[in-house]
């Protein structure tokens, strides 16, 4: 299997939503899927993103219905 075929297989398996345009948004989405739930601080520490970068991405995920925000924790859908 070629590298491009492997990338396509991984992409299809993970089913990353098309509306996630930036690589950072995709990273946050995948981290949240893997963890199941996490606080913004936990995601910040894990991913090395600033809160100024992370919080708008999390808001976007919630607005797009890809995550929920419950009692200070973001939960993957």
PDB file of N, CA and C in Angstrom:
ATOM      1  N   UNK A   1       0.855  -1.180   0.000  1.00  0.00           N
ATOM      2  CA  UNK A   1       0.000   0.000   0.000  1.00  0.00           C
ATOM      3  C   UNK A   1       0.897   1.238   0.000  1.00  0.00           C
ATOM      4  N   UNK A   2       0.601   2.171  -0.898  1.00  0.00           N
ATOM      5  CA  UNK A   2       1.406   3.384  -0.986  1.00  0.00           C
ATOM      6  C   UNK A   2       1.110   4.307   0.191  1.00  0.00           C
ATOM      7  N   UNK A   3       1.986   5.286   0.382  1.00  0.00           N
ATOM      8  CA  UNK A   3       1.819   6.243   1.472  1.00  0.00           C
ATOM      9  C   UNK A   3       0.513   7.014   1.325  1.00  0.00           C
ATOM     10  N   UNK A   4       0.183   7.441   0.113  1.00  0.00           N
ATOM     11  CA  UNK A   4      -1.058   8.188  -0.084  1.00  0.00           C
ATOM     12  C   UNK A   4      -2.277   7.308   0.177  1.00  0.00           C
ATOM     13  N   UNK A   5      -2.199   6.032  -0.159  1.00  0.00           N
ATOM     14  CA  UNK A   5      -3.299   5.111   0.135  1.00  0.00           C
ATOM     15  C   UNK A   5      -3.443   4.903   1.643  1.00  0.00           C
ATOM     16  N   UNK A   6      -2.309   4.848   2.351  1.00  0.00           N
ATOM     17  CA  UNK A   6      -2.349   4.702   3.803  1.00  0.00           C
ATOM     18  C   UNK A   6      -2.979   5.930   4.450  1.00  0.00           C
ATOM     19  N   UNK A   7      -2.600   7.123   3.981  1.00  0.00           N
ATOM     20  CA  UNK A   7      -3.171   8.354   4.515  1.00  0.00           C
ATOM     21  C   UNK A   7      -4.674   8.402   4.279  1.00  0.00           C
ATOM     22  N   UNK A   8      -5.114   7.982   3.097  1.00  0.00           N
ATOM     23  CA  UNK A   8      -6.531   7.972   2.780  1.00  0.00           C
ATOM     24  C   UNK A   8      -7.266   6.985   3.679  1.00  0.00           C
ATOM     25  N   UNK A   9      -6.688   5.817   3.904  1.00  0.00           N
ATOM     26  CA  UNK A   9      -7.318   4.813   4.763  1.00  0.00           C
ATOM     27  C   UNK A   9      -7.451   5.328   6.192  1.00  0.00           C
ATOM     28  N   UNK A  10      -6.410   5.979   6.700  1.00  0.00           N
ATOM     29  CA  UNK A  10      -6.461   6.540   8.049  1.00  0.00           C
ATOM     30  C   UNK A  10      -7.505   7.641   8.108  1.00  0.00           C
ATOM     31  N   UNK A  11      -7.544   8.511   7.109  1.00  0.00           N
ATOM     32  CA  UNK A  11      -8.495   9.610   7.074  1.00  0.00           C
ATOM     33  C   UNK A  11      -9.923   9.090   7.050  1.00  0.00           C
ATOM     34  N   UNK A  12     -10.193   8.075   6.252  1.00  0.00           N
ATOM     35  CA  UNK A  12     -11.535   7.506   6.189  1.00  0.00           C
ATOM     36  C   UNK A  12     -11.901   6.837   7.500  1.00  0.00           C
ATOM     37  N   UNK A  13     -10.950   6.154   8.108  1.00  0.00           N
ATOM     38  CA  UNK A  13     -11.197   5.462   9.366  1.00  0.00           C
ATOM     39  C   UNK A  13     -11.514   6.456  10.482  1.00  0.00           C
ATOM     40  N   UNK A  14     -10.790   7.565  10.535  1.00  0.00           N
ATOM     41  CA  UNK A  14     -10.990   8.558  11.579  1.00  0.00           C
ATOM     42  C   UNK A  14     -12.181   9.466  11.287  1.00  0.00           C
ATOM     43  N   UNK A  15     -12.551   9.580  10.026  1.00  0.00           N
ATOM     44  CA  UNK A  15     -13.681  10.403   9.608  1.00  0.00           C
ATOM     45  C   UNK A  15     -13.603  11.818  10.192  1.00  0.00           C
ATOM     46  N   UNK A  16     -12.542  12.506   9.868  1.00  0.00           N
ATOM     47  CA  UNK A  16     -12.368  13.884  10.321  1.00  0.00           C
ATOM     48  C   UNK A  16     -13.332  14.766   9.535  1.00  0.00           C
ATOM     49  N   UNK A  17     -14.188  15.491  10.228  1.00  0.00           N
ATOM     50  CA  UNK A  17     -15.172  16.334   9.533  1.00  0.00           C
ATOM     51  C   UNK A  17     -14.507  17.361   8.617  1.00  0.00           C
ATOM     52  N   UNK A  18     -15.110  17.550   7.463  1.00  0.00           N
ATOM     53  CA  UNK A  18     -14.580  18.479   6.455  1.00  0.00           C
ATOM     54  C   UNK A  18     -14.555  19.922   6.953  1.00  0.00           C
ATOM     55  N   UNK A  19     -15.495  20.301   7.829  1.00  0.00           N
ATOM     56  CA  UNK A  19     -15.574  21.691   8.278  1.00  0.00           C
ATOM     57  C   UNK A  19     -14.407  22.114   9.160  1.00  0.00           C
ATOM     58  N   UNK A  20     -13.607  21.158   9.617  1.00  0.00           N
ATOM     59  CA  UNK A  20     -12.424  21.492  10.406  1.00  0.00           C
ATOM     60  C   UNK A  20     -11.303  21.852   9.442  1.00  0.00           C
ATOM     61  N   UNK A  21     -11.132  23.129   9.227  1.00  0.00           N
ATOM     62  CA  UNK A  21     -10.196  23.579   8.219  1.00  0.00           C
ATOM     63  C   UNK A  21      -8.743  23.577   8.647  1.00  0.00           C
ATOM     64  N   UNK A  22      -8.469  23.990   9.863  1.00  0.00           N
ATOM     65  CA  UNK A  22      -7.070  24.124  10.273  1.00  0.00           C
ATOM     66  C   UNK A  22      -6.526  22.819  10.850  1.00  0.00           C
ATOM     67  N   UNK A  23      -5.238  22.672  10.755  1.00  0.00           N
ATOM     68  CA  UNK A  23      -4.602  21.479  11.328  1.00  0.00           C
ATOM     69  C   UNK A  23      -4.741  21.473  12.853  1.00  0.00           C
ATOM     70  N   UNK A  24      -4.757  22.655  13.455  1.00  0.00           N
ATOM     71  CA  UNK A  24      -4.925  22.728  14.910  1.00  0.00           C
ATOM     72  C   UNK A  24      -6.323  22.271  15.328  1.00  0.00           C
ATOM     73  N   UNK A  25      -7.347  22.644  14.570  1.00  0.00           N
ATOM     74  CA  UNK A  25      -8.708  22.210  14.875  1.00  0.00           C
ATOM     75  C   UNK A  25      -8.823  20.698  14.752  1.00  0.00           C
ATOM     76  N   UNK A  26      -8.191  20.139  13.742  1.00  0.00           N
ATOM     77  CA  UNK A  26      -8.198  18.682  13.567  1.00  0.00           C
ATOM     78  C   UNK A  26      -7.482  18.001  14.729  1.00  0.00           C
ATOM     79  N   UNK A  27      -6.371  18.577  15.161  1.00  0.00           N
ATOM     80  CA  UNK A  27      -5.608  18.028  16.281  1.00  0.00           C
ATOM     81  C   UNK A  27      -6.446  18.026  17.560  1.00  0.00           C
ATOM     82  N   UNK A  28      -7.116  19.131  17.840  1.00  0.00           N
ATOM     83  CA  UNK A  28      -7.951  19.223  19.040  1.00  0.00           C
ATOM     84  C   UNK A  28      -9.098  18.220  18.947  1.00  0.00           C
ATOM     85  N   UNK A  29      -9.725  18.117  17.796  1.00  0.00           N
ATOM     86  CA  UNK A  29     -10.829  17.181  17.595  1.00  0.00           C
ATOM     87  C   UNK A  29     -10.371  15.743  17.840  1.00  0.00           C
ATOM     88  N   UNK A  30      -9.246  15.372  17.261  1.00  0.00           N
ATOM     89  CA  UNK A  30      -8.740  14.002  17.436  1.00  0.00           C
ATOM     90  C   UNK A  30      -8.336  13.721  18.880  1.00  0.00           C
ATOM     91  N   UNK A  31      -7.742  14.701  19.540  1.00  0.00           N
ATOM     92  CA  UNK A  31      -7.365  14.527  20.944  1.00  0.00           C
ATOM     93  C   UNK A  31      -8.606  14.320  21.801  1.00  0.00           C
ATOM     94  N   UNK A  32      -9.641  15.090  21.527  1.00  0.00           N
ATOM     95  CA  UNK A  32     -10.874  14.964  22.296  1.00  0.00           C
ATOM     96  C   UNK A  32     -11.555  13.618  22.025  1.00  0.00           C
ATOM     97  N   UNK A  33     -11.499  13.163  20.789  1.00  0.00           N
ATOM     98  CA  UNK A  33     -12.039  11.834  20.475  1.00  0.00           C
ATOM     99  C   UNK A  33     -11.292  10.750  21.245  1.00  0.00           C
ATOM    100  N   UNK A  34      -9.985  10.864  21.275  1.00  0.00           N
ATOM    101  CA  UNK A  34      -9.153   9.867  21.955  1.00  0.00           C
ATOM    102  C   UNK A  34      -9.390   9.867  23.466  1.00  0.00           C
ATOM    103  N   UNK A  35      -9.474  11.054  24.039  1.00  0.00           N
ATOM    104  CA  UNK A  35      -9.643  11.175  25.486  1.00  0.00           C
ATOM    105  C   UNK A  35     -11.081  10.922  25.934  1.00  0.00           C
ATOM    106  N   UNK A  36     -12.028  11.263  25.094  1.00  0.00           N
ATOM    107  CA  UNK A  36     -13.439  11.159  25.463  1.00  0.00           C
ATOM    108  C   UNK A  36     -13.948  12.433  26.094  1.00  0.00           C
ATOM    109  N   UNK A  37     -13.228  12.926  27.071  1.00  0.00           N
ATOM    110  CA  UNK A  37     -13.539  14.219  27.670  1.00  0.00           C
ATOM    111  C   UNK A  37     -12.276  14.808  28.276  1.00  0.00           C
ATOM    112  N   UNK A  38     -12.256  16.128  28.342  1.00  0.00           N
ATOM    113  CA  UNK A  38     -11.082  16.825  28.885  1.00  0.00           C
ATOM    114  C   UNK A  38     -11.432  18.275  29.143  1.00  0.00           C
ATOM    115  N   UNK A  39     -10.742  18.866  30.082  1.00  0.00           N
ATOM    116  CA  UNK A  39     -10.883  20.297  30.312  1.00  0.00           C
ATOM    117  C   UNK A  39      -9.989  21.030  29.316  1.00  0.00           C
ATOM    118  N   UNK A  40     -10.230  22.321  29.177  1.00  0.00           N
ATOM    119  CA  UNK A  40      -9.384  23.134  28.297  1.00  0.00           C
ATOM    120  C   UNK A  40      -7.936  23.104  28.782  1.00  0.00           C
ATOM    121  N   UNK A  41      -7.745  23.129  30.084  1.00  0.00           N
ATOM    122  CA  UNK A  41      -6.386  23.096  30.642  1.00  0.00           C
ATOM    123  C   UNK A  41      -5.690  21.778  30.312  1.00  0.00           C
ATOM    124  N   UNK A  42      -6.408  20.677  30.415  1.00  0.00           N
ATOM    125  CA  UNK A  42      -5.818  19.375  30.076  1.00  0.00           C
ATOM    126  C   UNK A  42      -5.423  19.323  28.602  1.00  0.00           C
ATOM    127  N   UNK A  43      -6.303  19.817  27.731  1.00  0.00           N
ATOM    128  CA  UNK A  43      -5.992  19.839  26.301  1.00  0.00           C
ATOM    129  C   UNK A  43      -4.825  20.779  26.015  1.00  0.00           C
ATOM    130  N   UNK A  44      -4.788  21.900  26.698  1.00  0.00           N
ATOM    131  CA  UNK A  44      -3.700  22.863  26.520  1.00  0.00           C
ATOM    132  C   UNK A  44      -2.360  22.215  26.855  1.00  0.00           C
ATOM    133  N   UNK A  45      -2.298  21.525  27.977  1.00  0.00           N
ATOM    134  CA  UNK A  45      -1.059  20.879  28.402  1.00  0.00           C
ATOM    135  C   UNK A  45      -0.676  19.735  27.473  1.00  0.00           C
ATOM    136  N   UNK A  46      -1.649  18.959  27.056  1.00  0.00           N
ATOM    137  CA  UNK A  46      -1.391  17.821  26.184  1.00  0.00           C
ATOM    138  C   UNK A  46      -0.906  18.246  24.805  1.00  0.00           C
ATOM    139  N   UNK A  47      -1.550  19.262  24.250  1.00  0.00           N
ATOM    140  CA  UNK A  47      -1.287  19.656  22.869  1.00  0.00           C
ATOM    141  C   UNK A  47      -0.282  20.791  22.725  1.00  0.00           C
ATOM    142  N   UNK A  48       0.018  21.476  23.829  1.00  0.00           N
ATOM    143  CA  UNK A  48       0.971  22.582  23.764  1.00  0.00           C
ATOM    144  C   UNK A  48       0.426  23.801  23.045  1.00  0.00           C
ATOM    145  N   UNK A  49      -0.891  23.969  23.074  1.00  0.00           N
ATOM    146  CA  UNK A  49      -1.514  25.135  22.451  1.00  0.00           C
ATOM    147  C   UNK A  49      -1.840  26.173  23.516  1.00  0.00           C
ATOM    148  N   UNK A  50      -1.807  27.431  23.132  1.00  0.00           N
ATOM    149  CA  UNK A  50      -2.200  28.472  24.077  1.00  0.00           C
ATOM    150  C   UNK A  50      -3.717  28.462  24.205  1.00  0.00           C
ATOM    151  N   UNK A  51      -4.213  29.001  25.313  1.00  0.00           N
ATOM    152  CA  UNK A  51      -5.665  29.082  25.481  1.00  0.00           C
ATOM    153  C   UNK A  51      -6.277  30.027  24.449  1.00  0.00           C
ATOM    154  N   UNK A  52      -5.525  31.032  24.010  1.00  0.00           N
ATOM    155  CA  UNK A  52      -6.026  31.940  22.978  1.00  0.00           C
ATOM    156  C   UNK A  52      -6.257  31.214  21.658  1.00  0.00           C
ATOM    157  N   UNK A  53      -5.518  30.170  21.421  1.00  0.00           N
ATOM    158  CA  UNK A  53      -5.705  29.335  20.231  1.00  0.00           C
ATOM    159  C   UNK A  53      -6.758  28.270  20.482  1.00  0.00           C
ATOM    160  N   UNK A  54      -6.698  27.647  21.638  1.00  0.00           N
ATOM    161  CA  UNK A  54      -7.526  26.488  21.953  1.00  0.00           C
ATOM    162  C   UNK A  54      -9.003  26.828  22.159  1.00  0.00           C
ATOM    163  N   UNK A  55      -9.302  27.863  22.909  1.00  0.00           N
ATOM    164  CA  UNK A  55     -10.699  28.154  23.256  1.00  0.00           C
ATOM    165  C   UNK A  55     -11.598  28.436  22.045  1.00  0.00           C
ATOM    166  N   UNK A  56     -11.153  29.196  21.054  1.00  0.00           N
ATOM    167  CA  UNK A  56     -12.006  29.372  19.867  1.00  0.00           C
ATOM    168  C   UNK A  56     -12.236  28.057  19.105  1.00  0.00           C
ATOM    169  N   UNK A  57     -11.249  27.199  19.101  1.00  0.00           N
ATOM    170  CA  UNK A  57     -11.399  25.897  18.437  1.00  0.00           C
ATOM    171  C   UNK A  57     -12.443  25.059  19.177  1.00  0.00           C
ATOM    172  N   UNK A  58     -12.362  25.039  20.500  1.00  0.00           N
ATOM    173  CA  UNK A  58     -13.336  24.289  21.281  1.00  0.00           C
ATOM    174  C   UNK A  58     -14.741  24.852  21.096  1.00  0.00           C
ATOM    175  N   UNK A  59     -14.851  26.168  21.050  1.00  0.00           N
ATOM    176  CA  UNK A  59     -16.161  26.800  20.804  1.00  0.00           C
ATOM    177  C   UNK A  59     -16.708  26.394  19.437  1.00  0.00           C
ATOM    178  N   UNK A  60     -15.822  26.333  18.451  1.00  0.00           N
ATOM    179  CA  UNK A  60     -16.214  25.921  17.103  1.00  0.00           C
ATOM    180  C   UNK A  60     -16.702  24.467  17.109  1.00  0.00           C
ATOM    181  N   UNK A  61     -15.999  23.598  17.821  1.00  0.00           N
ATOM    182  CA  UNK A  61     -16.414  22.191  17.895  1.00  0.00           C
ATOM    183  C   UNK A  61     -17.793  22.059  18.532  1.00  0.00           C
ATOM    184  N   UNK A  62     -18.041  22.824  19.565  1.00  0.00           N
ATOM    185  CA  UNK A  62     -19.351  22.796  20.235  1.00  0.00           C
ATOM    186  C   UNK A  62     -20.422  23.345  19.287  1.00  0.00           C
ATOM    187  N   UNK A  63     -20.145  24.461  18.637  1.00  0.00           N
ATOM    188  CA  UNK A  63     -21.114  25.087  17.726  1.00  0.00           C
ATOM    189  C   UNK A  63     -21.444  24.175  16.543  1.00  0.00           C
ATOM    190  N   UNK A  64     -20.464  23.411  16.084  1.00  0.00           N
ATOM    191  CA  UNK A  64     -20.662  22.497  14.951  1.00  0.00           C
ATOM    192  C   UNK A  64     -21.268  21.159  15.370  1.00  0.00           C
ATOM    193  N   UNK A  65     -21.501  20.990  16.681  1.00  0.00           N
ATOM    194  CA  UNK A  65     -22.100  19.750  17.162  1.00  0.00           C
ATOM    195  C   UNK A  65     -21.128  18.586  17.242  1.00  0.00           C
ATOM    196  N   UNK A  66     -19.838  18.885  17.241  1.00  0.00           N
ATOM    197  CA  UNK A  66     -18.815  17.841  17.302  1.00  0.00           C
ATOM    198  C   UNK A  66     -18.346  17.564  18.719  1.00  0.00           C
ATOM    199  N   UNK A  67     -18.740  18.420  19.643  1.00  0.00           N
ATOM    200  CA  UNK A  67     -18.385  18.258  21.056  1.00  0.00           C
ATOM    201  C   UNK A  67     -19.463  18.936  21.894  1.00  0.00           C
ATOM    202  N   UNK A  68     -19.491  18.584  23.151  1.00  0.00           N
ATOM    203  CA  UNK A  68     -20.386  19.216  24.114  1.00  0.00           C
ATOM    204  C   UNK A  68     -19.537  19.827  25.217  1.00  0.00           C
ATOM    205  N   UNK A  69     -20.105  20.796  25.894  1.00  0.00           N
ATOM    206  CA  UNK A  69     -19.447  21.415  27.043  1.00  0.00           C
ATOM    207  C   UNK A  69     -20.330  21.173  28.249  1.00  0.00           C
ATOM    208  N   UNK A  70     -19.829  20.401  29.208  1.00  0.00           N
ATOM    209  CA  UNK A  70     -20.603  20.023  30.377  1.00  0.00           C
ATOM    210  C   UNK A  70     -19.790  20.244  31.636  1.00  0.00           C
ATOM    211  N   UNK A  71     -20.217  21.159  32.476  1.00  0.00           N
ATOM    212  CA  UNK A  71     -19.609  21.407  33.779  1.00  0.00           C
ATOM    213  C   UNK A  71     -18.092  21.580  33.700  1.00  0.00           C
ATOM    214  N   UNK A  72     -17.648  22.432  32.792  1.00  0.00           N
ATOM    215  CA  UNK A  72     -16.223  22.745  32.688  1.00  0.00           C
ATOM    216  C   UNK A  72     -15.406  21.734  31.909  1.00  0.00           C
ATOM    217  N   UNK A  73     -16.063  20.744  31.308  1.00  0.00           N
ATOM    218  CA  UNK A  73     -15.364  19.700  30.561  1.00  0.00           C
ATOM    219  C   UNK A  73     -15.925  19.606  29.152  1.00  0.00           C
ATOM    220  N   UNK A  74     -15.041  19.453  28.194  1.00  0.00           N
ATOM    221  CA  UNK A  74     -15.448  19.239  26.803  1.00  0.00           C
ATOM    222  C   UNK A  74     -15.541  17.742  26.578  1.00  0.00           C
ATOM    223  N   UNK A  75     -16.630  17.329  25.919  1.00  0.00           N
ATOM    224  CA  UNK A  75     -16.905  15.915  25.716  1.00  0.00           C
ATOM    225  C   UNK A  75     -17.058  15.667  24.220  1.00  0.00           C
ATOM    226  N   UNK A  76     -16.386  14.651  23.697  1.00  0.00           N
ATOM    227  CA  UNK A  76     -16.503  14.336  22.279  1.00  0.00           C
ATOM    228  C   UNK A  76     -17.869  13.716  22.012  1.00  0.00           C
ATOM    229  N   UNK A  77     -18.340  13.894  20.800  1.00  0.00           N
ATOM    230  CA  UNK A  77     -19.622  13.313  20.376  1.00  0.00           C
ATOM    231  C   UNK A  77     -19.388  12.203  19.402  1.00  0.00           C
TER     232      UNK A  77
END
